[in-house]
Amino acid sequence: MRKKIIILLIFCLAQNVVSQGFEAKNITWSDLKDVRFKKRLNIDVGMFFLYPTFGPKVTALDGQEIMIKGYTIPIDTEGTFVVSQYPMAMCFFCGKAGPESMMQLNFNKKQRFKTDEIHSFKGKFRLNPDNVNELNYILEEAILIN
């Protein structure tokens, strides 16, 4: 019996050590404010866009598994969503906040959310400094947590 308990304890400890390496870092929207924007002309589309220069705090998150909570906002009828620090009436697209207050959600399978539902998402955080067809912050392989 004692041998079984020791084996069980070793197994539990090993599971704890393994799972710690794969835990997502829980971040807040204030963690994403380490960025500055400069308006530049995009020659391909003939329009001015805000291009980011990411600070060290945000750059350190690039490629990391993160978790963030916010408001879901649909972008199109195809099922493209973003998570925002603010509800739709105050979001970046409505002119009430900056681009750093939104994150593009890239899911492996199609999802559906109502506007302004509050959810937490987990995935691989990726910075986008120059593709004007995507947001500056992207959550790859996004998974709904709650």
N, C-alpha and C. Protein backbone atom coordinates (compact mmCIF):
# COMPACT_ATOMS: atom_id res chain seq x y z
N MET A 1 0.83 -1.19 0.00
CA MET A 1 0.00 0.00 0.00
C MET A 1 0.87 1.26 0.00
N ARG A 2 1.92 1.23 0.80
CA ARG A 2 2.80 2.39 0.90
C ARG A 2 3.48 2.66 -0.45
N LYS A 3 3.84 1.60 -1.14
CA LYS A 3 4.48 1.73 -2.45
C LYS A 3 3.53 2.39 -3.46
N LYS A 4 2.23 2.04 -3.40
CA LYS A 4 1.24 2.64 -4.29
C LYS A 4 1.08 4.14 -4.01
N ILE A 5 1.12 4.52 -2.77
CA ILE A 5 1.00 5.95 -2.40
C ILE A 5 2.20 6.73 -2.91
N ILE A 6 3.39 6.16 -2.76
CA ILE A 6 4.61 6.83 -3.24
C ILE A 6 4.56 6.98 -4.76
N ILE A 7 4.13 5.95 -5.47
CA ILE A 7 4.02 6.01 -6.93
C ILE A 7 3.00 7.07 -7.33
N LEU A 8 1.87 7.12 -6.63
CA LEU A 8 0.84 8.12 -6.91
C LEU A 8 1.37 9.54 -6.68
N LEU A 9 2.11 9.74 -5.59
CA LEU A 9 2.70 11.05 -5.31
C LEU A 9 3.70 11.46 -6.39
N ILE A 10 4.54 10.53 -6.82
CA ILE A 10 5.51 10.82 -7.87
C ILE A 10 4.78 11.18 -9.17
N PHE A 11 3.74 10.45 -9.49
CA PHE A 11 2.96 10.73 -10.69
C PHE A 11 2.34 12.12 -10.62
N CYS A 12 1.76 12.48 -9.49
CA CYS A 12 1.13 13.80 -9.32
C CYS A 12 2.16 14.92 -9.45
N LEU A 13 3.31 14.74 -8.84
CA LEU A 13 4.37 15.74 -8.93
C LEU A 13 4.86 15.89 -10.37
N ALA A 14 5.02 14.78 -11.07
CA ALA A 14 5.46 14.82 -12.47
C ALA A 14 4.43 15.53 -13.33
N GLN A 15 3.16 15.26 -13.11
CA GLN A 15 2.10 15.94 -13.86
C GLN A 15 2.14 17.44 -13.61
N ASN A 16 2.36 17.84 -12.37
CA ASN A 16 2.42 19.25 -12.01
C ASN A 16 3.59 19.95 -12.72
N VAL A 17 4.74 19.32 -12.76
CA VAL A 17 5.91 19.89 -13.41
C VAL A 17 5.68 20.02 -14.91
N VAL A 18 5.12 18.99 -15.53
CA VAL A 18 4.86 19.01 -16.97
C VAL A 18 3.83 20.07 -17.31
N SER A 19 2.74 20.16 -16.55
CA SER A 19 1.68 21.11 -16.89
C SER A 19 2.12 22.55 -16.67
N GLN A 20 3.06 22.81 -15.78
CA GLN A 20 3.50 24.18 -15.54
C GLN A 20 4.16 24.78 -16.78
N GLY A 21 4.81 23.99 -17.57
CA GLY A 21 5.46 24.48 -18.77
C GLY A 21 4.48 24.87 -19.86
N PHE A 22 3.21 24.45 -19.77
CA PHE A 22 2.24 24.70 -20.82
C PHE A 22 1.11 25.63 -20.38
N GLU A 23 1.22 26.21 -19.23
CA GLU A 23 0.19 27.12 -18.76
C GLU A 23 0.26 28.43 -19.51
N ALA A 24 -0.91 28.96 -19.85
CA ALA A 24 -0.97 30.25 -20.53
C ALA A 24 -0.76 31.36 -19.52
N LYS A 25 -0.07 32.40 -19.96
CA LYS A 25 0.14 33.57 -19.12
C LYS A 25 -1.11 34.43 -19.19
N ASN A 26 -1.71 34.70 -18.05
CA ASN A 26 -2.90 35.53 -17.99
C ASN A 26 -2.49 36.99 -18.09
N ILE A 27 -2.88 37.67 -19.17
CA ILE A 27 -2.51 39.07 -19.33
C ILE A 27 -3.75 39.95 -19.25
N THR A 28 -3.53 41.24 -19.05
CA THR A 28 -4.61 42.21 -19.03
C THR A 28 -4.39 43.18 -20.19
N TRP A 29 -5.37 44.00 -20.45
CA TRP A 29 -5.27 44.97 -21.53
C TRP A 29 -4.19 46.01 -21.24
N SER A 30 -3.94 46.29 -19.99
CA SER A 30 -2.88 47.26 -19.67
C SER A 30 -1.50 46.71 -20.06
N ASP A 31 -1.34 45.38 -20.10
CA ASP A 31 -0.08 44.78 -20.54
C ASP A 31 0.20 45.09 -22.01
N LEU A 32 -0.84 45.41 -22.77
CA LEU A 32 -0.70 45.62 -24.21
C LEU A 32 -0.53 47.09 -24.60
N LYS A 33 -0.45 47.96 -23.61
CA LYS A 33 -0.34 49.39 -23.90
C LYS A 33 1.08 49.85 -24.19
N ASP A 34 2.04 48.95 -24.13
CA ASP A 34 3.45 49.29 -24.40
C ASP A 34 3.68 49.30 -25.91
N VAL A 35 3.06 50.27 -26.57
CA VAL A 35 3.14 50.38 -28.03
C VAL A 35 2.90 51.85 -28.41
N ARG A 36 3.56 52.27 -29.46
CA ARG A 36 3.36 53.61 -30.02
C ARG A 36 2.98 53.45 -31.49
N PHE A 37 2.20 54.40 -31.97
CA PHE A 37 1.73 54.33 -33.36
C PHE A 37 2.15 55.57 -34.13
N LYS A 38 2.48 55.34 -35.39
CA LYS A 38 2.85 56.42 -36.28
C LYS A 38 2.06 56.26 -37.58
N LYS A 39 1.43 57.34 -38.01
CA LYS A 39 0.65 57.31 -39.24
C LYS A 39 1.59 57.32 -40.44
N ARG A 40 1.40 56.32 -41.33
CA ARG A 40 2.22 56.22 -42.54
C ARG A 40 1.34 55.86 -43.72
N LEU A 41 1.76 56.30 -44.87
CA LEU A 41 1.05 55.99 -46.11
C LEU A 41 1.37 54.56 -46.54
N ASN A 42 0.33 53.79 -46.80
CA ASN A 42 0.50 52.46 -47.37
C ASN A 42 0.31 52.62 -48.87
N ILE A 43 1.40 52.48 -49.61
CA ILE A 43 1.38 52.72 -51.05
C ILE A 43 0.48 51.73 -51.78
N ASP A 44 0.41 50.48 -51.30
CA ASP A 44 -0.39 49.44 -51.97
C ASP A 44 -1.87 49.79 -52.04
N VAL A 45 -2.39 50.40 -50.98
CA VAL A 45 -3.82 50.74 -50.95
C VAL A 45 -4.07 52.24 -51.05
N GLY A 46 -3.01 53.05 -51.01
CA GLY A 46 -3.15 54.49 -51.15
C GLY A 46 -3.86 55.16 -50.00
N MET A 47 -3.65 54.64 -48.78
CA MET A 47 -4.29 55.20 -47.58
C MET A 47 -3.27 55.28 -46.46
N PHE A 48 -3.57 56.14 -45.49
CA PHE A 48 -2.74 56.23 -44.29
C PHE A 48 -3.25 55.24 -43.25
N PHE A 49 -2.30 54.58 -42.57
CA PHE A 49 -2.61 53.63 -41.50
C PHE A 49 -1.72 53.93 -40.30
N LEU A 50 -2.17 53.47 -39.14
CA LEU A 50 -1.35 53.56 -37.94
C LEU A 50 -0.47 52.32 -37.86
N TYR A 51 0.84 52.51 -37.91
CA TYR A 51 1.79 51.40 -37.82
C TYR A 51 2.41 51.39 -36.42
N PRO A 52 2.47 50.20 -35.81
CA PRO A 52 2.96 50.11 -34.43
C PRO A 52 4.47 49.98 -34.31
N THR A 53 4.98 50.50 -33.20
CA THR A 53 6.32 50.19 -32.72
C THR A 53 6.10 49.60 -31.34
N PHE A 54 6.33 48.30 -31.21
CA PHE A 54 6.04 47.60 -29.97
C PHE A 54 7.18 47.82 -28.97
N GLY A 55 6.80 48.07 -27.73
CA GLY A 55 7.77 48.22 -26.65
C GLY A 55 8.22 46.86 -26.14
N PRO A 56 9.21 46.85 -25.23
CA PRO A 56 9.77 45.58 -24.74
C PRO A 56 8.77 44.70 -24.00
N LYS A 57 7.83 45.30 -23.29
CA LYS A 57 6.86 44.49 -22.53
C LYS A 57 5.96 43.68 -23.47
N VAL A 58 5.52 44.32 -24.55
CA VAL A 58 4.66 43.63 -25.53
C VAL A 58 5.48 42.66 -26.37
N THR A 59 6.67 43.08 -26.77
CA THR A 59 7.54 42.23 -27.59
C THR A 59 7.86 40.92 -26.87
N ALA A 60 8.00 40.97 -25.55
CA ALA A 60 8.29 39.76 -24.77
C ALA A 60 7.14 38.76 -24.82
N LEU A 61 5.94 39.20 -25.12
CA LEU A 61 4.78 38.31 -25.19
C LEU A 61 4.65 37.60 -26.54
N ASP A 62 5.34 38.11 -27.57
CA ASP A 62 5.23 37.55 -28.91
C ASP A 62 5.62 36.07 -28.92
N GLY A 63 4.71 35.23 -29.43
CA GLY A 63 4.96 33.79 -29.50
C GLY A 63 4.60 33.04 -28.23
N GLN A 64 4.18 33.75 -27.18
CA GLN A 64 3.83 33.12 -25.91
C GLN A 64 2.37 32.66 -25.90
N GLU A 65 2.10 31.64 -25.12
CA GLU A 65 0.74 31.19 -24.88
C GLU A 65 0.15 32.14 -23.83
N ILE A 66 -0.93 32.85 -24.20
CA ILE A 66 -1.52 33.81 -23.28
C ILE A 66 -3.01 33.55 -23.11
N MET A 67 -3.59 34.20 -22.11
CA MET A 67 -5.02 34.16 -21.89
C MET A 67 -5.46 35.60 -21.64
N ILE A 68 -6.57 36.01 -22.26
CA ILE A 68 -7.08 37.38 -22.11
C ILE A 68 -8.60 37.36 -22.07
N LYS A 69 -9.16 38.33 -21.36
CA LYS A 69 -10.61 38.43 -21.21
C LYS A 69 -11.08 39.74 -21.83
N GLY A 70 -12.21 39.68 -22.53
CA GLY A 70 -12.75 40.89 -23.12
C GLY A 70 -14.10 40.66 -23.77
N TYR A 71 -14.53 41.68 -24.51
CA TYR A 71 -15.81 41.67 -25.20
C TYR A 71 -15.64 41.13 -26.62
N THR A 72 -16.53 40.24 -27.03
CA THR A 72 -16.47 39.72 -28.39
C THR A 72 -17.19 40.67 -29.33
N ILE A 73 -16.55 40.92 -30.48
CA ILE A 73 -17.13 41.80 -31.50
C ILE A 73 -16.99 41.11 -32.85
N PRO A 74 -18.12 40.90 -33.55
CA PRO A 74 -18.04 40.30 -34.89
C PRO A 74 -17.50 41.31 -35.89
N ILE A 75 -16.68 40.84 -36.82
CA ILE A 75 -16.10 41.71 -37.83
C ILE A 75 -16.82 41.54 -39.17
N ASP A 76 -17.31 40.35 -39.43
CA ASP A 76 -18.03 40.09 -40.69
C ASP A 76 -19.05 38.99 -40.47
N THR A 77 -19.75 38.64 -41.51
CA THR A 77 -20.77 37.58 -41.42
C THR A 77 -20.17 36.19 -41.61
N GLU A 78 -18.88 36.13 -41.88
CA GLU A 78 -18.18 34.86 -42.10
C GLU A 78 -17.77 34.19 -40.80
N GLY A 79 -17.92 34.87 -39.66
CA GLY A 79 -17.52 34.30 -38.38
C GLY A 79 -16.17 34.78 -37.90
N THR A 80 -15.74 35.96 -38.37
CA THR A 80 -14.49 36.55 -37.90
C THR A 80 -14.80 37.41 -36.68
N PHE A 81 -14.03 37.19 -35.60
CA PHE A 81 -14.27 37.92 -34.36
C PHE A 81 -12.98 38.52 -33.83
N VAL A 82 -13.16 39.56 -33.02
CA VAL A 82 -12.08 40.11 -32.23
C VAL A 82 -12.53 40.11 -30.78
N VAL A 83 -11.56 40.18 -29.89
CA VAL A 83 -11.86 40.39 -28.48
C VAL A 83 -11.35 41.79 -28.17
N SER A 84 -12.16 42.55 -27.46
CA SER A 84 -11.87 43.95 -27.21
C SER A 84 -11.88 44.27 -25.72
N GLN A 85 -11.07 45.25 -25.37
CA GLN A 85 -11.06 45.73 -24.00
C GLN A 85 -12.40 46.39 -23.67
N TYR A 86 -13.04 46.95 -24.67
CA TYR A 86 -14.28 47.72 -24.48
C TYR A 86 -15.42 47.12 -25.29
N PRO A 87 -16.67 47.39 -24.89
CA PRO A 87 -17.81 46.95 -25.69
C PRO A 87 -17.85 47.67 -27.03
N MET A 88 -18.68 47.19 -27.93
CA MET A 88 -18.76 47.69 -29.31
C MET A 88 -18.89 49.22 -29.39
N ALA A 89 -19.70 49.81 -28.55
CA ALA A 89 -19.95 51.25 -28.61
C ALA A 89 -18.70 52.07 -28.29
N MET A 90 -17.71 51.45 -27.66
CA MET A 90 -16.49 52.17 -27.27
C MET A 90 -15.24 51.61 -27.95
N CYS A 91 -15.41 50.71 -28.91
CA CYS A 91 -14.26 50.01 -29.48
C CYS A 91 -13.45 50.89 -30.43
N PHE A 92 -12.33 50.38 -30.84
CA PHE A 92 -11.41 51.09 -31.74
C PHE A 92 -12.08 51.51 -33.04
N PHE A 93 -12.87 50.63 -33.62
CA PHE A 93 -13.50 50.92 -34.90
C PHE A 93 -14.50 52.06 -34.80
N CYS A 94 -15.00 52.31 -33.59
CA CYS A 94 -15.95 53.41 -33.39
C CYS A 94 -15.24 54.70 -32.97
N GLY A 95 -13.94 54.66 -32.87
CA GLY A 95 -13.17 55.86 -32.58
C GLY A 95 -13.00 56.20 -31.13
N LYS A 96 -13.36 55.33 -30.22
CA LYS A 96 -13.29 55.64 -28.79
C LYS A 96 -12.06 55.06 -28.10
N ALA A 97 -11.27 54.24 -28.80
CA ALA A 97 -10.10 53.60 -28.20
C ALA A 97 -9.02 53.43 -29.26
N GLY A 98 -7.86 52.96 -28.82
CA GLY A 98 -6.75 52.75 -29.76
C GLY A 98 -6.69 51.33 -30.27
N PRO A 99 -5.86 51.09 -31.29
CA PRO A 99 -5.73 49.75 -31.86
C PRO A 99 -5.23 48.72 -30.86
N GLU A 100 -4.55 49.17 -29.81
CA GLU A 100 -4.03 48.23 -28.81
C GLU A 100 -5.13 47.65 -27.92
N SER A 101 -6.35 48.12 -28.09
CA SER A 101 -7.46 47.65 -27.26
C SER A 101 -8.25 46.51 -27.92
N MET A 102 -7.72 45.96 -29.02
CA MET A 102 -8.40 44.87 -29.72
C MET A 102 -7.42 43.79 -30.12
N MET A 103 -7.89 42.56 -30.17
CA MET A 103 -7.06 41.44 -30.58
C MET A 103 -7.87 40.55 -31.53
N GLN A 104 -7.28 40.25 -32.65
CA GLN A 104 -7.90 39.36 -33.64
C GLN A 104 -7.88 37.93 -33.11
N LEU A 105 -8.99 37.23 -33.28
CA LEU A 105 -9.09 35.83 -32.84
C LEU A 105 -9.07 34.92 -34.06
N ASN A 106 -8.06 34.08 -34.16
CA ASN A 106 -7.97 33.09 -35.23
C ASN A 106 -8.22 31.71 -34.63
N PHE A 107 -9.41 31.16 -34.91
CA PHE A 107 -9.81 29.87 -34.38
C PHE A 107 -9.47 28.76 -35.37
N ASN A 108 -9.27 27.55 -34.86
CA ASN A 108 -9.07 26.39 -35.72
C ASN A 108 -10.38 25.91 -36.32
N LYS A 109 -11.47 26.14 -35.59
CA LYS A 109 -12.79 25.79 -36.13
C LYS A 109 -13.74 26.97 -35.89
N LYS A 110 -14.74 27.08 -36.74
CA LYS A 110 -15.65 28.22 -36.72
C LYS A 110 -16.36 28.35 -35.37
N GLN A 111 -16.49 29.58 -34.92
CA GLN A 111 -17.13 29.88 -33.64
C GLN A 111 -18.25 30.90 -33.87
N ARG A 112 -19.14 31.00 -32.92
CA ARG A 112 -20.21 32.00 -32.94
C ARG A 112 -20.31 32.65 -31.57
N PHE A 113 -20.36 33.97 -31.57
CA PHE A 113 -20.55 34.74 -30.34
C PHE A 113 -21.49 35.90 -30.64
N LYS A 114 -22.17 36.35 -29.61
CA LYS A 114 -22.99 37.54 -29.74
C LYS A 114 -22.11 38.76 -29.44
N THR A 115 -22.48 39.88 -30.00
CA THR A 115 -21.76 41.12 -29.76
C THR A 115 -21.77 41.45 -28.26
N ASP A 116 -20.62 41.81 -27.76
CA ASP A 116 -20.41 42.26 -26.38
C ASP A 116 -20.54 41.16 -25.32
N GLU A 117 -20.51 39.90 -25.73
CA GLU A 117 -20.40 38.83 -24.74
C GLU A 117 -19.00 38.93 -24.12
N ILE A 118 -18.91 38.69 -22.84
CA ILE A 118 -17.61 38.72 -22.17
C ILE A 118 -17.10 37.29 -22.05
N HIS A 119 -15.89 37.06 -22.61
CA HIS A 119 -15.29 35.73 -22.59
C HIS A 119 -13.79 35.85 -22.37
N SER A 120 -13.20 34.74 -21.94
CA SER A 120 -11.75 34.62 -21.87
C SER A 120 -11.31 33.67 -22.98
N PHE A 121 -10.16 34.00 -23.59
CA PHE A 121 -9.61 33.20 -24.68
C PHE A 121 -8.15 32.90 -24.40
N LYS A 122 -7.74 31.74 -24.89
CA LYS A 122 -6.35 31.32 -24.76
C LYS A 122 -5.82 31.01 -26.15
N GLY A 123 -4.53 31.28 -26.38
CA GLY A 123 -3.92 30.96 -27.65
C GLY A 123 -2.50 31.51 -27.71
N LYS A 124 -1.91 31.38 -28.88
CA LYS A 124 -0.54 31.87 -29.10
C LYS A 124 -0.60 33.32 -29.58
N PHE A 125 0.03 34.20 -28.82
CA PHE A 125 0.02 35.63 -29.11
C PHE A 125 1.02 35.95 -30.20
N ARG A 126 0.56 36.70 -31.21
CA ARG A 126 1.45 37.08 -32.31
C ARG A 126 1.31 38.57 -32.59
N LEU A 127 2.45 39.23 -32.78
CA LEU A 127 2.47 40.64 -33.13
C LEU A 127 2.42 40.79 -34.65
N ASN A 128 1.69 41.80 -35.10
CA ASN A 128 1.60 42.10 -36.53
C ASN A 128 1.97 43.57 -36.73
N PRO A 129 3.21 43.85 -37.13
CA PRO A 129 3.65 45.24 -37.28
C PRO A 129 3.28 45.89 -38.61
N ASP A 130 2.94 45.10 -39.64
CA ASP A 130 2.81 45.75 -40.95
C ASP A 130 1.70 45.27 -41.89
N ASN A 131 1.02 44.19 -41.60
CA ASN A 131 -0.05 43.71 -42.48
C ASN A 131 -1.35 44.46 -42.14
N VAL A 132 -1.75 45.38 -43.01
CA VAL A 132 -2.93 46.21 -42.73
C VAL A 132 -4.24 45.45 -42.86
N ASN A 133 -4.19 44.20 -43.30
CA ASN A 133 -5.40 43.38 -43.41
C ASN A 133 -5.71 42.61 -42.14
N GLU A 134 -4.84 42.74 -41.14
CA GLU A 134 -5.04 42.10 -39.84
C GLU A 134 -4.81 43.11 -38.74
N LEU A 135 -5.25 42.78 -37.53
CA LEU A 135 -5.00 43.66 -36.39
C LEU A 135 -3.55 43.53 -35.93
N ASN A 136 -3.10 44.45 -35.12
CA ASN A 136 -1.73 44.43 -34.61
C ASN A 136 -1.49 43.29 -33.63
N TYR A 137 -2.53 42.92 -32.87
CA TYR A 137 -2.44 41.81 -31.93
C TYR A 137 -3.32 40.68 -32.43
N ILE A 138 -2.74 39.48 -32.50
CA ILE A 138 -3.47 38.33 -33.03
C ILE A 138 -3.32 37.16 -32.06
N LEU A 139 -4.42 36.48 -31.81
CA LEU A 139 -4.40 35.28 -30.98
C LEU A 139 -4.61 34.08 -31.90
N GLU A 140 -3.51 33.37 -32.20
CA GLU A 140 -3.56 32.20 -33.08
C GLU A 140 -4.06 30.98 -32.30
N GLU A 141 -4.73 30.08 -33.01
CA GLU A 141 -5.26 28.86 -32.40
C GLU A 141 -6.07 29.19 -31.14
N ALA A 142 -6.88 30.23 -31.25
CA ALA A 142 -7.67 30.71 -30.11
C ALA A 142 -8.64 29.64 -29.63
N ILE A 143 -8.76 29.56 -28.31
CA ILE A 143 -9.68 28.62 -27.67
C ILE A 143 -10.50 29.39 -26.66
N LEU A 144 -11.80 29.17 -26.67
CA LEU A 144 -12.70 29.77 -25.69
C LEU A 144 -12.46 29.11 -24.33
N ILE A 145 -12.19 29.91 -23.31
CA ILE A 145 -11.99 29.38 -21.96
C ILE A 145 -13.30 29.41 -21.17
N ASN A 146 -13.99 30.53 -21.24
CA ASN A 146 -15.31 30.64 -20.58
C ASN A 146 -16.12 31.76 -21.19
